[in-house]
Amino acid sequence: MTAQRRLVCFHLLIAIAIGAQASSCQILGLIGYAKPDPTVGPAYKGLAGQSVAVMVWADRASAIDWPSLQLDMTRGIQSRLKEAADVKKPPKELEGTKFAAAESAVRYQRDHPEMEAEPITTVAPRLNITRLIYVEVQQFSTRPEESVELFRGTLVGNLKVIEIQNGKSKIAFQEDNIKVVFPKESPEQGMPGLGDNQIYEKTLEYFSTQVVNRFLTHIEPRDDH
């Protein structure tokens, strides 16, 4: 074999090796991309066979700016749970679960303003239920403070589950500072052309879904999507 031919063969082998390496990287990349979203179990498993109510507390500023916030969120959380419980074969987490009317919890709050000064564990036994899903809205806005002409929904809330038995209650589950942003990938300064009503509805919808996910087995989208 001549020197020139050996050189050609050498370059050809290098090209084949580089191509094989690139192909293997692409295949690995496709495998990583095709990896399914993980299935996540419920954080709290004690709703099956219970009578459940949902109650939402909102800070004064949010309640003034959005008078229907408590009712809308109560309905949003409860309707999603009830829909899952009412199917022919409900998930085991909601087998035999019954729900009090969303309006009754909000009506109780409005009829008893003195409960604002009481621990929720004192209030819960009065509601004639065995489980209370209690959400405290700490922050809610549809526009960033720095650029009020733009839109970005932000909601931060705490979640508690109160277990009631024989007239006594206890906090059985608690998760603080659950935060959602809508649109999820929006810049901190906000986005134009959306509107307060759209941001309000979608932010509450997103937060309500996050709360419900604490009680059901669900698919959790990966952040790298």
N, C-alpha and C. Protein backbone atom coordinates (compact mmCIF):
# COMPACT_ATOMS: atom_id res chain seq x y z
N MET A 1 0.86 -1.20 0.00
CA MET A 1 0.00 0.00 0.00
C MET A 1 0.88 1.23 0.00
N THR A 2 0.57 2.16 -0.89
CA THR A 2 1.39 3.36 -0.96
C THR A 2 1.12 4.25 0.22
N ALA A 3 2.04 5.18 0.45
CA ALA A 3 1.89 6.12 1.56
C ALA A 3 0.65 6.97 1.40
N GLN A 4 0.35 7.35 0.17
CA GLN A 4 -0.84 8.20 -0.07
C GLN A 4 -2.11 7.43 0.25
N ARG A 5 -2.11 6.12 -0.15
CA ARG A 5 -3.31 5.33 0.11
C ARG A 5 -3.48 5.09 1.62
N ARG A 6 -2.36 4.85 2.31
CA ARG A 6 -2.43 4.67 3.78
C ARG A 6 -2.98 5.93 4.44
N LEU A 7 -2.59 7.10 3.94
CA LEU A 7 -3.08 8.36 4.53
C LEU A 7 -4.58 8.52 4.31
N VAL A 8 -5.04 8.12 3.11
CA VAL A 8 -6.48 8.20 2.83
C VAL A 8 -7.26 7.27 3.76
N CYS A 9 -6.74 6.04 3.94
CA CYS A 9 -7.41 5.10 4.84
C CYS A 9 -7.44 5.60 6.28
N PHE A 10 -6.36 6.22 6.71
CA PHE A 10 -6.28 6.77 8.08
C PHE A 10 -7.34 7.84 8.30
N HIS A 11 -7.47 8.75 7.33
CA HIS A 11 -8.48 9.82 7.44
C HIS A 11 -9.90 9.24 7.43
N LEU A 12 -10.08 8.17 6.62
CA LEU A 12 -11.39 7.54 6.55
C LEU A 12 -11.77 6.91 7.88
N LEU A 13 -10.80 6.26 8.53
CA LEU A 13 -11.06 5.66 9.84
C LEU A 13 -11.41 6.70 10.89
N ILE A 14 -10.71 7.83 10.84
CA ILE A 14 -11.01 8.92 11.79
C ILE A 14 -12.42 9.43 11.57
N ALA A 15 -12.81 9.61 10.31
CA ALA A 15 -14.15 10.11 10.00
C ALA A 15 -15.22 9.15 10.50
N ILE A 16 -14.96 7.83 10.29
CA ILE A 16 -15.93 6.83 10.76
C ILE A 16 -16.06 6.87 12.28
N ALA A 17 -14.93 7.01 12.98
CA ALA A 17 -14.94 7.05 14.45
C ALA A 17 -15.70 8.25 14.97
N ILE A 18 -15.46 9.42 14.33
CA ILE A 18 -16.16 10.64 14.76
C ILE A 18 -17.65 10.51 14.51
N GLY A 19 -18.00 9.94 13.34
CA GLY A 19 -19.42 9.77 13.03
C GLY A 19 -20.10 8.83 14.01
N ALA A 20 -19.42 7.74 14.37
CA ALA A 20 -20.00 6.79 15.33
C ALA A 20 -20.21 7.43 16.69
N GLN A 21 -19.23 8.26 17.10
CA GLN A 21 -19.34 8.93 18.40
C GLN A 21 -20.51 9.90 18.40
N ALA A 22 -20.65 10.66 17.29
CA ALA A 22 -21.75 11.62 17.20
C ALA A 22 -23.09 10.91 17.22
N SER A 23 -23.16 9.77 16.50
CA SER A 23 -24.42 9.02 16.46
C SER A 23 -24.79 8.49 17.83
N SER A 24 -23.78 7.99 18.58
CA SER A 24 -24.08 7.47 19.92
C SER A 24 -24.54 8.57 20.85
N CYS A 25 -23.95 9.77 20.69
CA CYS A 25 -24.39 10.90 21.53
C CYS A 25 -25.82 11.29 21.20
N GLN A 26 -26.16 11.26 19.88
CA GLN A 26 -27.53 11.58 19.49
C GLN A 26 -28.52 10.57 20.04
N ILE A 27 -28.11 9.29 19.98
CA ILE A 27 -28.99 8.24 20.51
C ILE A 27 -29.20 8.41 22.01
N LEU A 28 -28.11 8.70 22.75
CA LEU A 28 -28.23 8.93 24.19
C LEU A 28 -29.10 10.13 24.47
N GLY A 29 -28.94 11.16 23.61
CA GLY A 29 -29.75 12.36 23.80
C GLY A 29 -31.22 12.07 23.59
N LEU A 30 -31.53 11.25 22.55
CA LEU A 30 -32.91 10.88 22.30
C LEU A 30 -33.48 10.05 23.43
N ILE A 31 -32.64 9.14 23.97
CA ILE A 31 -33.09 8.33 25.11
C ILE A 31 -33.41 9.22 26.30
N GLY A 32 -32.53 10.19 26.57
CA GLY A 32 -32.77 11.11 27.68
C GLY A 32 -34.02 11.94 27.46
N TYR A 33 -34.23 12.38 26.20
CA TYR A 33 -35.38 13.21 25.89
C TYR A 33 -36.67 12.43 26.00
N ALA A 34 -36.60 11.13 25.65
CA ALA A 34 -37.81 10.31 25.67
C ALA A 34 -38.14 9.77 27.04
N LYS A 35 -37.32 10.04 28.01
CA LYS A 35 -37.56 9.55 29.36
C LYS A 35 -38.91 10.05 29.87
N PRO A 36 -39.78 9.18 30.33
CA PRO A 36 -41.12 9.61 30.73
C PRO A 36 -41.11 10.45 32.00
N ASP A 37 -42.14 11.28 32.12
CA ASP A 37 -42.29 12.06 33.35
C ASP A 37 -42.56 11.11 34.52
N PRO A 38 -42.01 11.42 35.70
CA PRO A 38 -42.17 10.51 36.84
C PRO A 38 -43.59 10.51 37.41
N THR A 39 -43.99 9.39 37.94
CA THR A 39 -45.25 9.28 38.66
C THR A 39 -44.97 9.53 40.14
N VAL A 40 -45.74 10.44 40.73
CA VAL A 40 -45.52 10.85 42.11
C VAL A 40 -46.73 10.47 42.95
N GLY A 41 -46.50 9.85 44.07
CA GLY A 41 -47.58 9.46 44.96
C GLY A 41 -48.09 10.63 45.79
N PRO A 42 -49.23 10.48 46.45
CA PRO A 42 -49.80 11.56 47.26
C PRO A 42 -48.95 11.87 48.47
N ALA A 43 -48.88 13.14 48.82
CA ALA A 43 -48.16 13.55 50.03
C ALA A 43 -48.99 13.25 51.28
N TYR A 44 -50.33 13.28 51.12
CA TYR A 44 -51.22 12.95 52.23
C TYR A 44 -52.21 11.91 51.74
N LYS A 45 -52.42 10.84 52.53
CA LYS A 45 -53.21 9.69 52.07
C LYS A 45 -54.45 9.43 52.93
N GLY A 46 -54.89 10.42 53.69
CA GLY A 46 -55.95 10.15 54.65
C GLY A 46 -57.33 10.67 54.30
N LEU A 47 -57.67 10.79 53.00
CA LEU A 47 -59.00 11.28 52.62
C LEU A 47 -60.00 10.17 52.34
N ALA A 48 -59.54 8.97 52.08
CA ALA A 48 -60.44 7.87 51.74
C ALA A 48 -61.42 7.60 52.88
N GLY A 49 -62.69 7.49 52.51
CA GLY A 49 -63.73 7.17 53.49
C GLY A 49 -64.07 8.29 54.44
N GLN A 50 -63.65 9.51 54.16
CA GLN A 50 -63.86 10.63 55.07
C GLN A 50 -64.86 11.64 54.49
N SER A 51 -65.43 12.44 55.37
CA SER A 51 -66.24 13.59 54.94
C SER A 51 -65.32 14.81 54.96
N VAL A 52 -65.22 15.48 53.82
CA VAL A 52 -64.17 16.48 53.61
C VAL A 52 -64.78 17.83 53.24
N ALA A 53 -64.19 18.88 53.77
CA ALA A 53 -64.51 20.24 53.35
C ALA A 53 -63.21 20.95 52.98
N VAL A 54 -63.34 21.92 52.10
CA VAL A 54 -62.21 22.76 51.71
C VAL A 54 -62.51 24.17 52.19
N MET A 55 -61.52 24.80 52.81
CA MET A 55 -61.68 26.17 53.29
C MET A 55 -60.44 26.97 52.92
N VAL A 56 -60.66 28.19 52.45
CA VAL A 56 -59.56 29.05 52.01
C VAL A 56 -59.59 30.35 52.79
N TRP A 57 -58.45 30.67 53.36
CA TRP A 57 -58.26 31.98 54.01
C TRP A 57 -57.40 32.84 53.10
N ALA A 58 -57.74 34.11 52.98
CA ALA A 58 -56.94 35.02 52.15
C ALA A 58 -56.57 36.25 52.97
N ASP A 59 -55.37 36.76 52.74
CA ASP A 59 -54.97 37.98 53.43
C ASP A 59 -55.91 39.11 53.03
N ARG A 60 -55.99 40.13 53.88
CA ARG A 60 -56.99 41.18 53.71
C ARG A 60 -56.87 41.87 52.35
N ALA A 61 -55.65 42.17 51.93
CA ALA A 61 -55.46 42.88 50.67
C ALA A 61 -56.00 42.07 49.50
N SER A 62 -55.70 40.78 49.48
CA SER A 62 -56.18 39.92 48.39
C SER A 62 -57.71 39.80 48.43
N ALA A 63 -58.27 39.68 49.62
CA ALA A 63 -59.71 39.54 49.75
C ALA A 63 -60.44 40.80 49.30
N ILE A 64 -59.84 41.97 49.53
CA ILE A 64 -60.45 43.22 49.09
C ILE A 64 -60.35 43.36 47.57
N ASP A 65 -59.18 43.07 47.02
CA ASP A 65 -58.98 43.21 45.58
C ASP A 65 -59.76 42.17 44.77
N TRP A 66 -59.90 40.99 45.35
CA TRP A 66 -60.57 39.88 44.66
C TRP A 66 -61.60 39.26 45.59
N PRO A 67 -62.80 39.84 45.69
CA PRO A 67 -63.80 39.40 46.66
C PRO A 67 -64.24 37.94 46.50
N SER A 68 -64.13 37.39 45.29
CA SER A 68 -64.57 36.00 45.09
C SER A 68 -63.42 35.00 45.17
N LEU A 69 -62.24 35.46 45.59
CA LEU A 69 -61.06 34.60 45.61
C LEU A 69 -61.28 33.35 46.45
N GLN A 70 -61.80 33.50 47.67
CA GLN A 70 -61.96 32.35 48.55
C GLN A 70 -62.93 31.33 47.98
N LEU A 71 -64.06 31.80 47.45
CA LEU A 71 -65.04 30.87 46.88
C LEU A 71 -64.51 30.22 45.61
N ASP A 72 -63.87 31.00 44.76
CA ASP A 72 -63.36 30.45 43.50
C ASP A 72 -62.30 29.38 43.75
N MET A 73 -61.41 29.62 44.71
CA MET A 73 -60.37 28.63 44.98
C MET A 73 -60.96 27.41 45.68
N THR A 74 -61.88 27.63 46.60
CA THR A 74 -62.54 26.51 47.27
C THR A 74 -63.21 25.60 46.25
N ARG A 75 -63.95 26.22 45.32
CA ARG A 75 -64.61 25.44 44.27
C ARG A 75 -63.59 24.75 43.37
N GLY A 76 -62.51 25.45 43.04
CA GLY A 76 -61.52 24.89 42.15
C GLY A 76 -60.87 23.64 42.71
N ILE A 77 -60.51 23.69 43.99
CA ILE A 77 -59.87 22.52 44.63
C ILE A 77 -60.88 21.40 44.80
N GLN A 78 -62.05 21.75 45.33
CA GLN A 78 -63.03 20.71 45.65
C GLN A 78 -63.58 20.05 44.39
N SER A 79 -63.84 20.83 43.34
CA SER A 79 -64.41 20.25 42.12
C SER A 79 -63.45 19.25 41.49
N ARG A 80 -62.15 19.52 41.55
CA ARG A 80 -61.17 18.58 41.00
C ARG A 80 -61.13 17.28 41.81
N LEU A 81 -61.17 17.40 43.13
CA LEU A 81 -61.18 16.21 43.97
C LEU A 81 -62.48 15.42 43.80
N LYS A 82 -63.58 16.13 43.75
CA LYS A 82 -64.88 15.46 43.63
C LYS A 82 -65.01 14.76 42.27
N GLU A 83 -64.50 15.40 41.23
CA GLU A 83 -64.54 14.78 39.91
C GLU A 83 -63.76 13.47 39.90
N ALA A 84 -62.60 13.46 40.58
CA ALA A 84 -61.81 12.24 40.66
C ALA A 84 -62.50 11.18 41.51
N ALA A 85 -63.23 11.60 42.55
CA ALA A 85 -63.87 10.66 43.46
C ALA A 85 -65.16 10.07 42.89
N ASP A 86 -65.79 10.77 41.95
CA ASP A 86 -67.11 10.36 41.47
C ASP A 86 -67.07 9.43 40.26
N VAL A 87 -65.90 9.08 39.78
CA VAL A 87 -65.84 8.16 38.65
C VAL A 87 -66.22 6.75 39.11
N LYS A 88 -66.47 5.86 38.12
CA LYS A 88 -66.93 4.51 38.44
C LYS A 88 -65.91 3.77 39.30
N LYS A 89 -64.63 3.92 38.99
CA LYS A 89 -63.56 3.31 39.78
C LYS A 89 -62.63 4.41 40.27
N PRO A 90 -62.97 5.03 41.39
CA PRO A 90 -62.15 6.15 41.87
C PRO A 90 -60.78 5.67 42.34
N PRO A 91 -59.81 6.56 42.36
CA PRO A 91 -58.50 6.19 42.91
C PRO A 91 -58.64 5.81 44.37
N LYS A 92 -57.76 4.92 44.82
CA LYS A 92 -57.87 4.41 46.19
C LYS A 92 -57.77 5.54 47.21
N GLU A 93 -57.10 6.64 46.86
CA GLU A 93 -56.96 7.76 47.79
C GLU A 93 -58.30 8.44 48.08
N LEU A 94 -59.30 8.23 47.18
CA LEU A 94 -60.59 8.91 47.34
C LEU A 94 -61.76 7.94 47.38
N GLU A 95 -61.50 6.69 47.66
CA GLU A 95 -62.59 5.72 47.76
C GLU A 95 -63.48 6.05 48.95
N GLY A 96 -64.77 6.23 48.68
CA GLY A 96 -65.73 6.52 49.75
C GLY A 96 -65.66 7.92 50.32
N THR A 97 -64.95 8.82 49.68
CA THR A 97 -64.81 10.20 50.18
C THR A 97 -66.05 11.01 49.80
N LYS A 98 -66.56 11.78 50.75
CA LYS A 98 -67.70 12.67 50.53
C LYS A 98 -67.27 14.11 50.79
N PHE A 99 -67.88 15.04 50.07
CA PHE A 99 -67.47 16.43 50.17
C PHE A 99 -68.64 17.32 50.57
N ALA A 100 -68.37 18.22 51.52
CA ALA A 100 -69.35 19.25 51.87
C ALA A 100 -69.40 20.29 50.75
N ALA A 101 -70.51 20.98 50.61
CA ALA A 101 -70.65 21.99 49.56
C ALA A 101 -69.62 23.11 49.77
N ALA A 102 -69.00 23.53 48.68
CA ALA A 102 -67.99 24.59 48.78
C ALA A 102 -68.58 25.86 49.36
N GLU A 103 -69.81 26.17 48.98
CA GLU A 103 -70.44 27.39 49.45
C GLU A 103 -70.65 27.40 50.95
N SER A 104 -70.83 26.21 51.55
CA SER A 104 -71.11 26.16 52.98
C SER A 104 -69.90 26.59 53.79
N ALA A 105 -68.69 26.24 53.35
CA ALA A 105 -67.48 26.65 54.06
C ALA A 105 -67.29 28.15 53.99
N VAL A 106 -67.51 28.72 52.80
CA VAL A 106 -67.36 30.17 52.64
C VAL A 106 -68.43 30.91 53.43
N ARG A 107 -69.63 30.37 53.44
CA ARG A 107 -70.71 31.00 54.21
C ARG A 107 -70.38 30.98 55.70
N TYR A 108 -69.82 29.88 56.18
CA TYR A 108 -69.45 29.82 57.60
C TYR A 108 -68.41 30.88 57.92
N GLN A 109 -67.43 31.06 57.05
CA GLN A 109 -66.41 32.09 57.28
C GLN A 109 -67.02 33.48 57.36
N ARG A 110 -67.96 33.76 56.47
CA ARG A 110 -68.58 35.08 56.44
C ARG A 110 -69.52 35.30 57.61
N ASP A 111 -70.16 34.22 58.06
CA ASP A 111 -71.09 34.34 59.19
C ASP A 111 -70.37 34.38 60.53
N HIS A 112 -69.11 33.95 60.55
CA HIS A 112 -68.35 33.88 61.79
C HIS A 112 -66.99 34.57 61.64
N PRO A 113 -66.99 35.87 61.49
CA PRO A 113 -65.72 36.60 61.33
C PRO A 113 -64.79 36.44 62.54
N GLU A 114 -65.36 36.06 63.69
CA GLU A 114 -64.52 35.90 64.89
C GLU A 114 -63.53 34.75 64.74
N MET A 115 -63.78 33.84 63.80
CA MET A 115 -62.87 32.71 63.63
C MET A 115 -61.49 33.16 63.14
N GLU A 116 -61.39 34.38 62.63
CA GLU A 116 -60.09 34.91 62.19
C GLU A 116 -59.08 34.92 63.34
N ALA A 117 -59.59 35.06 64.55
CA ALA A 117 -58.70 35.15 65.71
C ALA A 117 -58.48 33.80 66.38
N GLU A 118 -59.03 32.73 65.81
CA GLU A 118 -58.92 31.41 66.43
C GLU A 118 -58.04 30.49 65.59
N PRO A 119 -57.36 29.55 66.25
CA PRO A 119 -56.63 28.55 65.48
C PRO A 119 -57.59 27.70 64.65
N ILE A 120 -57.16 27.28 63.48
CA ILE A 120 -58.04 26.48 62.64
C ILE A 120 -58.38 25.14 63.29
N THR A 121 -57.55 24.65 64.18
CA THR A 121 -57.85 23.41 64.89
C THR A 121 -59.01 23.59 65.88
N THR A 122 -59.28 24.83 66.27
CA THR A 122 -60.44 25.11 67.12
C THR A 122 -61.70 25.21 66.29
N VAL A 123 -61.57 25.74 65.09
CA VAL A 123 -62.72 25.95 64.21
C VAL A 123 -63.18 24.64 63.57
N ALA A 124 -62.26 23.79 63.15
CA ALA A 124 -62.58 22.61 62.35
C ALA A 124 -63.64 21.69 62.97
N PRO A 125 -63.63 21.40 64.30
CA PRO A 125 -64.64 20.50 64.85
C PRO A 125 -66.07 21.01 64.73
N ARG A 126 -66.27 22.28 64.47
CA ARG A 126 -67.62 22.85 64.35
C ARG A 126 -68.24 22.60 62.98
N LEU A 127 -67.48 22.08 62.04
CA LEU A 127 -67.93 22.00 60.65
C LEU A 127 -68.61 20.69 60.30
N ASN A 128 -68.72 19.77 61.24
CA ASN A 128 -69.42 18.50 61.03
C ASN A 128 -68.79 17.69 59.90
N ILE A 129 -67.48 17.61 59.91
CA ILE A 129 -66.71 16.84 58.93
C ILE A 129 -65.61 16.08 59.67
N THR A 130 -64.86 15.24 58.93
CA THR A 130 -63.74 14.54 59.56
C THR A 130 -62.38 14.96 59.00
N ARG A 131 -62.38 15.68 57.87
CA ARG A 131 -61.14 16.20 57.29
C ARG A 131 -61.40 17.60 56.74
N LEU A 132 -60.48 18.50 57.04
CA LEU A 132 -60.56 19.86 56.51
C LEU A 132 -59.28 20.16 55.74
N ILE A 133 -59.43 20.46 54.46
CA ILE A 133 -58.31 20.94 53.64
C ILE A 133 -58.32 22.45 53.74
N TYR A 134 -57.29 22.99 54.36
CA TYR A 134 -57.26 24.42 54.69
C TYR A 134 -56.10 25.09 53.97
N VAL A 135 -56.41 26.09 53.17
CA VAL A 135 -55.40 26.83 52.39
C VAL A 135 -55.33 28.26 52.90
N GLU A 136 -54.13 28.71 53.18
CA GLU A 136 -53.90 30.10 53.57
C GLU A 136 -53.19 30.82 52.42
N VAL A 137 -53.88 31.75 51.78
CA VAL A 137 -53.28 32.52 50.69
C VAL A 137 -52.44 33.64 51.30
N GLN A 138 -51.15 33.55 51.14
CA GLN A 138 -50.25 34.54 51.71
C GLN A 138 -49.98 35.70 50.76
N GLN A 139 -50.02 35.41 49.47
CA GLN A 139 -49.74 36.44 48.46
C GLN A 139 -50.46 36.09 47.17
N PHE A 140 -51.10 37.09 46.58
CA PHE A 140 -51.73 36.88 45.28
C PHE A 140 -51.70 38.19 44.49
N SER A 141 -51.27 38.10 43.24
CA SER A 141 -51.24 39.28 42.39
C SER A 141 -51.33 38.84 40.94
N THR A 142 -51.85 39.72 40.12
CA THR A 142 -51.93 39.46 38.67
C THR A 142 -50.94 40.33 37.90
N ARG A 143 -50.27 41.26 38.60
CA ARG A 143 -49.30 42.14 37.96
C ARG A 143 -48.10 42.32 38.89
N PRO A 144 -46.90 42.37 38.33
CA PRO A 144 -45.73 42.65 39.16
C PRO A 144 -45.78 44.08 39.70
N GLU A 145 -45.30 44.28 40.91
CA GLU A 145 -45.31 45.62 41.50
C GLU A 145 -44.45 46.60 40.72
N GLU A 146 -43.37 46.09 40.10
CA GLU A 146 -42.42 46.97 39.43
C GLU A 146 -42.92 47.43 38.07
N SER A 147 -43.87 46.72 37.47
CA SER A 147 -44.34 47.08 36.13
C SER A 147 -45.83 46.76 36.02
N VAL A 148 -46.66 47.62 36.56
CA VAL A 148 -48.09 47.33 36.69
C VAL A 148 -48.83 47.33 35.36
N GLU A 149 -48.17 47.75 34.28
CA GLU A 149 -48.82 47.69 32.97
C GLU A 149 -48.66 46.32 32.31
N LEU A 150 -47.85 45.45 32.93
CA LEU A 150 -47.63 44.10 32.42
C LEU A 150 -48.32 43.09 33.35
N PHE A 151 -48.37 41.83 32.91
CA PHE A 151 -49.14 40.82 33.64
C PHE A 151 -48.28 39.60 33.96
N ARG A 152 -48.43 39.13 35.20
CA ARG A 152 -47.76 37.90 35.66
C ARG A 152 -48.43 37.47 36.97
N GLY A 153 -49.12 36.35 36.93
CA GLY A 153 -49.80 35.88 38.13
C GLY A 153 -48.86 35.21 39.11
N THR A 154 -48.98 35.57 40.38
CA THR A 154 -48.18 34.94 41.43
C THR A 154 -49.10 34.60 42.60
N LEU A 155 -49.01 33.36 43.07
CA LEU A 155 -49.80 32.96 44.23
C LEU A 155 -48.93 32.10 45.14
N VAL A 156 -48.88 32.50 46.40
CA VAL A 156 -48.14 31.75 47.41
C VAL A 156 -49.11 31.38 48.53
N GLY A 157 -49.15 30.11 48.88
CA GLY A 157 -50.07 29.70 49.92
C GLY A 157 -49.55 28.54 50.75
N ASN A 158 -50.12 28.40 51.93
CA ASN A 158 -49.81 27.27 52.82
C ASN A 158 -50.97 26.28 52.80
N LEU A 159 -50.65 25.01 52.90
CA LEU A 159 -51.67 23.96 52.89
C LEU A 159 -51.61 23.17 54.19
N LYS A 160 -52.77 22.98 54.80
CA LYS A 160 -52.87 22.16 56.00
C LYS A 160 -54.03 21.20 55.84
N VAL A 161 -53.88 20.02 56.40
CA VAL A 161 -55.00 19.07 56.50
C VAL A 161 -55.27 18.84 57.97
N ILE A 162 -56.50 19.12 58.36
CA ILE A 162 -56.91 18.95 59.76
C ILE A 162 -57.73 17.67 59.87
N GLU A 163 -57.33 16.80 60.77
CA GLU A 163 -58.09 15.59 61.05
C GLU A 163 -58.94 15.82 62.30
N ILE A 164 -60.23 15.46 62.21
CA ILE A 164 -61.16 15.67 63.31
C ILE A 164 -61.74 14.33 63.75
N GLN A 165 -61.69 14.08 65.04
CA GLN A 165 -62.26 12.84 65.59
C GLN A 165 -62.71 13.09 67.01
N ASN A 166 -63.95 12.70 67.30
CA ASN A 166 -64.52 12.83 68.64
C ASN A 166 -64.41 14.25 69.18
N GLY A 167 -64.67 15.22 68.32
CA GLY A 167 -64.67 16.61 68.76
C GLY A 167 -63.30 17.23 68.92
N LYS A 168 -62.25 16.48 68.62
CA LYS A 168 -60.89 17.01 68.73
C LYS A 168 -60.24 17.00 67.35
N SER A 169 -59.28 17.90 67.16
CA SER A 169 -58.65 17.98 65.84
C SER A 169 -57.15 18.19 65.98
N LYS A 170 -56.45 17.85 64.89
CA LYS A 170 -55.00 18.05 64.86
C LYS A 170 -54.57 18.29 63.41
N ILE A 171 -53.46 18.98 63.26
CA ILE A 171 -52.88 19.19 61.94
C ILE A 171 -52.11 17.92 61.58
N ALA A 172 -52.60 17.19 60.58
CA ALA A 172 -51.98 15.93 60.20
C ALA A 172 -51.00 16.09 59.04
N PHE A 173 -51.14 17.17 58.30
CA PHE A 173 -50.24 17.42 57.17
C PHE A 173 -50.13 18.93 56.98
N GLN A 174 -48.92 19.38 56.65
CA GLN A 174 -48.72 20.80 56.41
C GLN A 174 -47.59 21.00 55.40
N GLU A 175 -47.82 21.87 54.46
CA GLU A 175 -46.79 22.27 53.50
C GLU A 175 -46.91 23.78 53.28
N ASP A 176 -45.86 24.48 53.57
CA ASP A 176 -45.88 25.94 53.47
C ASP A 176 -45.23 26.41 52.17
N ASN A 177 -45.63 27.63 51.80
CA ASN A 177 -44.99 28.33 50.68
C ASN A 177 -45.06 27.57 49.36
N ILE A 178 -46.24 27.03 49.07
CA ILE A 178 -46.48 26.49 47.73
C ILE A 178 -46.64 27.69 46.79
N LYS A 179 -45.80 27.77 45.79
CA LYS A 179 -45.81 28.95 44.92
C LYS A 179 -46.03 28.55 43.48
N VAL A 180 -46.92 29.29 42.81
CA VAL A 180 -47.11 29.11 41.37
C VAL A 180 -46.99 30.47 40.68
N VAL A 181 -46.55 30.41 39.45
CA VAL A 181 -46.44 31.60 38.60
C VAL A 181 -47.11 31.28 37.28
N PHE A 182 -47.88 32.23 36.76
CA PHE A 182 -48.51 32.06 35.46
C PHE A 182 -48.39 33.34 34.64
N PRO A 183 -47.98 33.21 33.37
CA PRO A 183 -47.49 32.00 32.70
C PRO A 183 -46.21 31.49 33.34
N LYS A 184 -46.03 30.18 33.32
CA LYS A 184 -44.94 29.54 34.07
C LYS A 184 -43.58 30.08 33.68
N GLU A 185 -43.36 30.33 32.39
CA GLU A 185 -42.06 30.77 31.91
C GLU A 185 -41.99 32.28 31.69
N SER A 186 -42.92 33.02 32.26
CA SER A 186 -42.94 34.47 32.03
C SER A 186 -41.80 35.15 32.77
N PRO A 187 -41.25 36.23 32.21
CA PRO A 187 -40.20 36.97 32.90
C PRO A 187 -40.75 37.67 34.14
N GLU A 188 -39.87 37.98 35.08
CA GLU A 188 -40.31 38.58 36.34
C GLU A 188 -41.00 39.93 36.13
N GLN A 189 -40.63 40.65 35.09
CA GLN A 189 -41.24 41.95 34.84
C GLN A 189 -42.64 41.84 34.23
N GLY A 190 -43.06 40.59 33.88
CA GLY A 190 -44.40 40.40 33.35
C GLY A 190 -44.44 40.39 31.83
N MET A 191 -45.66 40.20 31.30
CA MET A 191 -45.87 40.11 29.87
C MET A 191 -47.04 41.00 29.47
N PRO A 192 -47.03 41.55 28.26
CA PRO A 192 -48.14 42.40 27.81
C PRO A 192 -49.29 41.59 27.23
N GLY A 193 -50.43 42.23 27.11
CA GLY A 193 -51.54 41.69 26.33
C GLY A 193 -52.29 40.52 26.90
N LEU A 194 -52.29 40.30 28.20
CA LEU A 194 -52.97 39.15 28.78
C LEU A 194 -54.27 39.54 29.48
N GLY A 195 -54.24 40.45 30.45
CA GLY A 195 -55.45 40.86 31.15
C GLY A 195 -55.58 40.26 32.52
N ASP A 196 -56.14 41.04 33.44
CA ASP A 196 -56.25 40.59 34.84
C ASP A 196 -57.13 39.36 34.99
N ASN A 197 -58.29 39.32 34.27
CA ASN A 197 -59.21 38.19 34.44
C ASN A 197 -58.59 36.88 34.00
N GLN A 198 -57.91 36.90 32.87
CA GLN A 198 -57.26 35.69 32.39
C GLN A 198 -56.18 35.21 33.36
N ILE A 199 -55.36 36.14 33.84
CA ILE A 199 -54.30 35.79 34.79
C ILE A 199 -54.91 35.27 36.09
N TYR A 200 -55.96 35.91 36.57
CA TYR A 200 -56.64 35.48 37.79
C TYR A 200 -57.12 34.03 37.66
N GLU A 201 -57.84 33.73 36.60
CA GLU A 201 -58.41 32.40 36.43
C GLU A 201 -57.33 31.33 36.27
N LYS A 202 -56.33 31.60 35.45
CA LYS A 202 -55.31 30.60 35.18
C LYS A 202 -54.39 30.38 36.38
N THR A 203 -54.10 31.44 37.14
CA THR A 203 -53.25 31.28 38.32
C THR A 203 -53.96 30.45 39.38
N LEU A 204 -55.24 30.73 39.61
CA LEU A 204 -56.01 29.93 40.57
C LEU A 204 -56.14 28.48 40.10
N GLU A 205 -56.33 28.30 38.81
CA GLU A 205 -56.43 26.95 38.26
C GLU A 205 -55.13 26.17 38.47
N TYR A 206 -54.02 26.82 38.22
CA TYR A 206 -52.71 26.19 38.37
C TYR A 206 -52.46 25.85 39.84
N PHE A 207 -52.76 26.78 40.74
CA PHE A 207 -52.54 26.54 42.17
C PHE A 207 -53.45 25.42 42.67
N SER A 208 -54.72 25.45 42.26
CA SER A 208 -55.67 24.42 42.70
C SER A 208 -55.20 23.03 42.27
N THR A 209 -54.65 22.94 41.08
CA THR A 209 -54.12 21.66 40.60
C THR A 209 -52.95 21.20 41.47
N GLN A 210 -52.08 22.15 41.85
CA GLN A 210 -50.96 21.80 42.71
C GLN A 210 -51.43 21.28 44.06
N VAL A 211 -52.47 21.87 44.61
CA VAL A 211 -53.02 21.40 45.89
C VAL A 211 -53.60 20.00 45.74
N VAL A 212 -54.41 19.79 44.71
CA VAL A 212 -55.02 18.48 44.49
C VAL A 212 -53.97 17.40 44.29
N ASN A 213 -52.86 17.76 43.66
CA ASN A 213 -51.79 16.79 43.44
C ASN A 213 -51.20 16.25 44.74
N ARG A 214 -51.37 17.00 45.83
CA ARG A 214 -50.87 16.52 47.13
C ARG A 214 -51.70 15.34 47.64
N PHE A 215 -52.86 15.08 47.03
CA PHE A 215 -53.76 14.04 47.53
C PHE A 215 -53.94 12.87 46.57
N LEU A 216 -53.35 12.96 45.37
CA LEU A 216 -53.55 11.93 44.36
C LEU A 216 -52.23 11.51 43.73
N THR A 217 -52.15 10.29 43.30
CA THR A 217 -51.03 9.86 42.46
C THR A 217 -51.15 10.57 41.12
N HIS A 218 -50.07 11.17 40.66
CA HIS A 218 -50.14 11.99 39.45
C HIS A 218 -48.82 11.98 38.71
N ILE A 219 -48.85 12.45 37.49
CA ILE A 219 -47.65 12.59 36.67
C ILE A 219 -47.09 13.99 36.92
N GLU A 220 -45.82 14.06 37.26
CA GLU A 220 -45.15 15.34 37.55
C GLU A 220 -44.22 15.68 36.37
N PRO A 221 -44.60 16.69 35.56
CA PRO A 221 -43.74 17.06 34.41
C PRO A 221 -42.34 17.46 34.88
N ARG A 222 -41.34 16.99 34.17
CA ARG A 222 -39.97 17.35 34.49
C ARG A 222 -39.69 18.78 34.07
N ASP A 223 -38.76 19.42 34.79
CA ASP A 223 -38.43 20.81 34.52
C ASP A 223 -37.68 20.99 33.20
N ASP A 224 -37.11 19.91 32.68
CA ASP A 224 -36.31 20.05 31.45
C ASP A 224 -37.15 19.94 30.18
N HIS A 225 -38.48 19.92 30.34
CA HIS A 225 -39.36 19.89 29.16
C HIS A 225 -39.30 21.25 28.46
